[in-house]
């Protein structure tokens, strides 16, 4: 699909491939955990099954304006709520979904063993 100028001519012949997506400002890039990962089971569940738990994710990257005193760091597991903006990031490993999230949507940091 081409992008056209007002006169109908092609403005861009081909868009470059996306190499990565990074959060801007005080946004946070997260990688969401699936239901099977959260439940810790091999049961086959649809991803839309409501488990009663809040959505969980790992922090992948912090935007440049996330305050240092926010207590957040890359690799932390979090509970979050609200809306995140799902993105297509070619750096994704496996079937996880990545999203950009507002810092105020983080509800808790999960301490792992």
Protein backbone atom coordinates (compact mmCIF):
# COMPACT_ATOMS: atom_id res chain seq x y z
CA UNK A 1 0.00 0.00 0.00
CA UNK A 2 1.46 3.35 -1.02
CA UNK A 3 1.06 6.72 0.62
CA UNK A 4 -0.24 9.27 -1.89
CA UNK A 5 0.21 13.00 -2.28
CA UNK A 6 -2.84 15.25 -2.77
CA UNK A 7 -2.35 14.99 -6.55
CA UNK A 8 -2.45 11.17 -6.42
CA UNK A 9 1.27 10.58 -6.95
CA UNK A 10 3.19 8.27 -4.61
CA UNK A 11 4.75 10.15 -1.68
CA UNK A 12 6.68 7.22 -0.27
CA UNK A 13 7.50 4.21 -2.38
CA UNK A 14 8.26 1.90 0.54
CA UNK A 15 8.34 2.50 4.27
CA UNK A 16 11.40 1.18 6.07
CA UNK A 17 10.95 -1.84 8.35
CA UNK A 18 10.51 -1.17 12.05
CA UNK A 19 13.62 -2.21 14.00
CA UNK A 20 12.24 -1.50 17.46
CA UNK A 21 9.76 0.55 19.47
CA UNK A 22 10.81 2.64 22.47
CA UNK A 23 8.70 4.48 25.06
CA UNK A 24 8.62 8.27 24.90
CA UNK A 25 8.48 10.67 27.82
CA UNK A 26 7.24 9.03 31.00
CA UNK A 27 5.72 6.01 29.25
CA UNK A 28 6.75 2.41 29.97
CA UNK A 29 7.16 -0.49 27.54
CA UNK A 30 5.82 -3.75 29.00
CA UNK A 31 5.62 -7.35 27.88
CA UNK A 32 2.32 -8.87 28.99
CA UNK A 33 2.12 -12.31 30.56
CA UNK A 34 -0.42 -14.78 29.23
CA UNK A 35 -3.06 -16.52 31.32
CA UNK A 36 -1.19 -19.86 31.30
CA UNK A 37 1.98 -18.16 32.58
CA UNK A 38 0.12 -16.38 35.37
CA UNK A 39 -1.80 -19.50 36.45
CA UNK A 40 1.33 -21.65 36.38
CA UNK A 41 -0.46 -24.55 34.70
CA UNK A 42 -0.34 -26.55 31.51
CA UNK A 43 -4.13 -26.45 31.19
CA UNK A 44 -5.22 -25.17 27.82
CA UNK A 45 -7.03 -21.86 28.35
CA UNK A 46 -8.11 -19.23 25.89
CA UNK A 47 -6.27 -15.97 26.47
CA UNK A 48 -9.62 -14.21 26.96
CA UNK A 49 -10.53 -16.40 29.97
CA UNK A 50 -11.01 -14.24 33.06
CA UNK A 51 -8.86 -15.64 35.86
CA UNK A 52 -9.83 -13.01 38.43
CA UNK A 53 -6.24 -11.76 38.59
CA UNK A 54 -5.11 -8.35 37.46
CA UNK A 55 -3.05 -8.31 34.26
CA UNK A 56 0.65 -8.92 34.80
CA UNK A 57 3.64 -7.88 32.75
CA UNK A 58 7.38 -7.39 32.82
CA UNK A 59 8.88 -3.94 32.35
CA UNK A 60 10.98 -4.00 29.19
CA UNK A 61 12.01 -0.35 28.94
CA UNK A 62 11.39 2.92 30.76
CA UNK A 63 10.87 6.19 28.92
CA UNK A 64 13.52 8.88 29.47
CA UNK A 65 11.25 10.96 31.75
CA UNK A 66 10.18 8.22 34.17
CA UNK A 67 11.20 9.67 37.56
CA UNK A 68 14.12 7.86 39.20
CA UNK A 69 12.25 7.89 42.52
CA UNK A 70 9.29 5.98 40.98
CA UNK A 71 10.88 2.72 42.12
CA UNK A 72 10.57 1.10 38.71
CA UNK A 73 13.26 -0.76 36.81
CA UNK A 74 13.60 -2.96 33.75
CA UNK A 75 12.83 -6.60 34.51
CA UNK A 76 10.34 -5.97 37.31
CA UNK A 77 7.08 -7.87 37.21
CA UNK A 78 4.03 -5.70 37.78
CA UNK A 79 0.27 -5.70 38.16
CA UNK A 80 -1.37 -3.10 35.94
CA UNK A 81 -4.86 -1.96 35.02
CA UNK A 82 -6.49 0.34 32.56
CA UNK A 83 -5.59 0.75 28.96
CA UNK A 84 -2.24 0.14 27.40
CA UNK A 85 -1.50 0.71 23.74
CA UNK A 86 -0.62 -2.62 22.12
CA UNK A 87 2.29 -2.36 19.72
CA UNK A 88 4.03 -4.51 17.17
CA UNK A 89 7.68 -4.71 18.21
CA UNK A 90 9.93 -6.95 16.11
CA UNK A 91 12.10 -7.64 19.18
CA UNK A 92 9.30 -9.68 20.85
CA UNK A 93 10.31 -13.14 22.06
CA UNK A 94 7.63 -15.81 21.73
CA UNK A 95 3.91 -15.12 21.82
CA UNK A 96 3.84 -12.30 24.34
CA UNK A 97 2.23 -8.98 23.53
CA UNK A 98 4.03 -5.70 24.13
CA UNK A 99 2.29 -2.48 25.09
CA UNK A 100 3.05 1.13 26.00
CA UNK A 101 1.65 2.01 29.41
CA UNK A 102 1.20 5.15 31.47
CA UNK A 103 3.07 5.04 34.78
CA UNK A 104 -0.18 5.67 36.70
CA UNK A 105 -1.60 2.38 35.37
CA UNK A 106 0.89 0.36 37.43
CA UNK A 107 -0.81 -0.83 40.60
CA UNK A 108 1.88 -2.97 42.24
CA UNK A 109 5.35 -4.42 41.84
CA UNK A 110 5.43 -8.21 42.20
CA UNK A 111 8.30 -9.61 44.25
CA UNK A 112 9.55 -12.85 42.69
CA UNK A 113 11.45 -15.66 44.44
